[in-house]
């Protein structure tokens, strides 16, 4: 088993001499030992090998950034029938931009959230047509997180008020 820093551990075998072959990683080459990625290793009981391979990225090679701390985003808000105004919220980490789109029209775009990583927009169903509405939220994350952009969705319905039976005045 190997770790991110290149160190490795072998368990479950008896002491002895073994030929270790380090599997190449994309965009990396073995630089030690001189004969490539294969070399003999002598293992002692509860001991350490007497050598360790080293791999490094060739000069000028570009590789994908490794995400040590990926970004997150979660959408909250009411679903179903609603007549009262509400807040749709995105809570997240490592967020770069948040764009709220209601029924295909951008209603708010954020490049900064509050101190708690919250992005919110107030929606008043009374200002929309009766029926089902779709809120789409596009979230992008800071460079270096390795997190792909996310699209979050929420549907709600503006319901009609209860109809009162007309009074017969007759």
Protein backbone atom coordinates (compact mmCIF):
# COMPACT_ATOMS: atom_id res chain seq x y z
CA UNK A 1 0.00 0.00 0.00
CA UNK A 2 1.45 3.41 -0.90
CA UNK A 3 0.81 6.84 0.56
CA UNK A 4 0.58 10.20 -1.20
CA UNK A 5 4.15 11.07 -0.18
CA UNK A 6 5.56 7.98 -1.95
CA UNK A 7 6.20 5.86 1.15
CA UNK A 8 4.77 2.37 1.15
CA UNK A 9 3.95 -0.55 3.40
CA UNK A 10 3.88 -4.28 2.70
CA UNK A 11 1.98 -6.51 5.13
CA UNK A 12 1.07 -10.17 5.33
CA UNK A 13 4.29 -11.71 3.99
CA UNK A 14 7.19 -13.54 5.62
CA UNK A 15 10.69 -12.00 5.84
CA UNK A 16 12.89 -12.48 2.78
CA UNK A 17 14.17 -10.85 -0.41
CA UNK A 18 11.60 -9.77 -2.98
CA UNK A 19 11.61 -7.93 -6.28
CA UNK A 20 9.46 -4.79 -5.92
CA UNK A 21 7.94 -3.23 -9.02
CA UNK A 22 6.52 0.26 -8.60
CA UNK A 23 3.55 0.78 -10.93
CA UNK A 24 4.01 3.99 -12.94
CA UNK A 25 1.55 6.83 -12.30
CA UNK A 26 0.36 9.02 -15.20
CA UNK A 27 2.72 11.97 -15.82
CA UNK A 28 5.38 10.54 -13.45
CA UNK A 29 8.60 8.61 -14.12
CA UNK A 30 10.79 6.61 -11.76
CA UNK A 31 14.04 8.43 -11.02
CA UNK A 32 15.54 5.94 -8.54
CA UNK A 33 16.87 3.31 -8.63
CA UNK A 34 18.81 3.91 -11.83
CA UNK A 35 17.51 0.72 -13.48
CA UNK A 36 13.87 1.91 -13.39
CA UNK A 37 10.93 1.00 -11.21
CA UNK A 38 12.04 -2.54 -10.32
CA UNK A 39 14.49 -3.41 -7.56
CA UNK A 40 15.14 -6.07 -4.93
CA UNK A 41 14.09 -5.42 -1.34
CA UNK A 42 14.99 -7.44 1.74
CA UNK A 43 12.30 -7.44 4.39
CA UNK A 44 12.99 -8.40 7.99
CA UNK A 45 10.43 -9.33 10.63
CA UNK A 46 8.78 -6.07 11.75
CA UNK A 47 11.51 -4.23 9.89
CA UNK A 48 11.76 -1.72 7.12
CA UNK A 49 12.99 -2.27 3.58
CA UNK A 50 16.53 -1.18 2.91
CA UNK A 51 15.57 1.05 -0.07
CA UNK A 52 12.75 3.12 -1.39
CA UNK A 53 11.80 4.16 -4.89
CA UNK A 54 11.36 7.79 -5.85
CA UNK A 55 9.03 9.10 -8.52
CA UNK A 56 8.76 12.59 -9.84
CA UNK A 57 6.88 14.52 -12.49
CA UNK A 58 8.99 15.27 -15.56
CA UNK A 59 10.00 18.92 -15.97
CA UNK A 60 7.32 20.89 -17.80
CA UNK A 61 4.65 18.19 -17.41
CA UNK A 62 1.27 19.46 -16.34
CA UNK A 63 -0.91 17.24 -14.21
CA UNK A 64 -4.33 17.47 -12.66
CA UNK A 65 -4.45 19.19 -9.31
CA UNK A 66 -5.15 16.85 -6.44
CA UNK A 67 -8.07 17.84 -4.27
CA UNK A 68 -7.09 17.68 -0.61
CA UNK A 69 -10.18 19.64 0.41
CA UNK A 70 -13.05 19.38 -2.09
CA UNK A 71 -15.88 21.92 -2.18
CA UNK A 72 -19.44 21.19 -1.09
CA UNK A 73 -22.85 22.71 -1.74
CA UNK A 74 -26.34 21.89 -0.50
CA UNK A 75 -29.64 23.52 -1.52
CA UNK A 76 -32.51 23.97 0.92
CA UNK A 77 -35.97 25.45 0.49
CA UNK A 78 -39.59 24.35 0.51
CA UNK A 79 -41.02 21.96 -2.03
CA UNK A 80 -44.62 21.31 -2.85
CA UNK A 81 -47.44 23.81 -2.52
CA UNK A 82 -46.48 27.19 -1.06
CA UNK A 83 -48.14 30.59 -0.99
CA UNK A 84 -45.80 32.48 1.39
CA UNK A 85 -42.45 34.04 0.54
CA UNK A 86 -39.43 31.88 1.40
CA UNK A 87 -35.65 31.83 1.22
CA UNK A 88 -33.84 29.34 -0.99
CA UNK A 89 -30.36 28.77 0.46
CA UNK A 90 -27.08 27.28 -0.63
CA UNK A 91 -24.71 26.33 2.16
CA UNK A 92 -21.26 25.30 1.04
CA UNK A 93 -17.51 25.32 1.31
CA UNK A 94 -14.89 26.40 -1.23
CA UNK A 95 -17.62 28.05 -3.32
CA UNK A 96 -16.62 30.54 -6.01
CA UNK A 97 -19.96 31.52 -7.61
CA UNK A 98 -23.64 30.75 -7.04
CA UNK A 99 -26.27 31.58 -9.67
CA UNK A 100 -29.99 31.26 -8.89
CA UNK A 101 -32.22 30.72 -11.94
CA UNK A 102 -36.02 30.70 -11.58
CA UNK A 103 -38.00 29.31 -14.52
CA UNK A 104 -35.07 29.90 -16.88
CA UNK A 105 -34.39 33.50 -15.78
CA UNK A 106 -31.34 34.45 -13.67
CA UNK A 107 -32.57 36.16 -10.53
CA UNK A 108 -29.34 36.48 -8.50
CA UNK A 109 -25.62 35.75 -8.87
CA UNK A 110 -23.23 35.69 -5.92
CA UNK A 111 -19.44 35.76 -5.85
CA UNK A 112 -19.30 36.05 -2.05
CA UNK A 113 -21.40 34.45 0.64
CA UNK A 114 -21.78 35.46 4.24
CA UNK A 115 -19.24 34.45 6.90
CA UNK A 116 -20.95 31.06 7.35
CA UNK A 117 -20.78 30.13 3.66
CA UNK A 118 -24.48 30.86 3.07
CA UNK A 119 -25.97 32.18 -0.17
CA UNK A 120 -29.68 33.00 -0.04
CA UNK A 121 -32.34 34.49 -2.26
CA UNK A 122 -35.91 35.43 -1.25
CA UNK A 123 -38.68 34.13 -3.51
CA UNK A 124 -42.27 35.37 -3.31
CA UNK A 125 -44.66 32.91 -4.98
CA UNK A 126 -47.35 35.63 -5.08
CA UNK A 127 -45.28 37.30 -7.81
CA UNK A 128 -45.28 34.17 -9.97
CA UNK A 129 -47.97 32.50 -12.03
CA UNK A 130 -50.05 29.73 -10.54
CA UNK A 131 -48.45 26.35 -11.19
CA UNK A 132 -45.13 24.53 -10.82
CA UNK A 133 -41.88 26.51 -10.77
CA UNK A 134 -38.30 25.29 -11.03
CA UNK A 135 -35.37 26.83 -9.26
CA UNK A 136 -31.99 25.82 -10.68
CA UNK A 137 -28.80 26.79 -8.85
CA UNK A 138 -25.42 26.57 -10.58
CA UNK A 139 -22.47 26.39 -8.19
CA UNK A 140 -18.80 26.65 -9.17
CA UNK A 141 -15.93 25.98 -6.80
CA UNK A 142 -12.54 27.60 -6.16
CA UNK A 143 -9.59 26.50 -8.25
CA UNK A 144 -7.44 23.85 -6.64
CA UNK A 145 -10.35 22.04 -4.97
CA UNK A 146 -10.77 19.61 -7.85
CA UNK A 147 -14.55 19.87 -7.44
CA UNK A 148 -16.62 19.97 -10.60
CA UNK A 149 -19.42 22.55 -10.94
CA UNK A 150 -22.78 21.41 -9.56
CA UNK A 151 -26.34 22.05 -10.67
CA UNK A 152 -28.90 21.79 -7.87
CA UNK A 153 -32.67 21.84 -8.44
CA UNK A 154 -35.76 22.61 -6.41
CA UNK A 155 -39.39 22.56 -7.55
CA UNK A 156 -42.23 24.30 -5.77
CA UNK A 157 -45.81 25.10 -6.67
CA UNK A 158 -47.68 28.34 -6.27
CA UNK A 159 -51.06 27.25 -5.11
CA UNK A 160 -54.29 29.13 -5.41
CA UNK A 161 -55.93 30.37 -2.29
CA UNK A 162 -58.79 28.29 -1.02
CA UNK A 163 -61.88 29.17 -2.92
CA UNK A 164 -64.77 30.29 -0.81
CA UNK A 165 -68.21 29.39 -1.99
CA UNK A 166 -69.99 32.47 -3.27
CA UNK A 167 -72.77 33.76 -1.08
CA UNK A 168 -76.20 33.52 -2.55
CA UNK A 169 -77.84 36.88 -2.25
CA UNK A 170 -80.78 35.93 -4.08
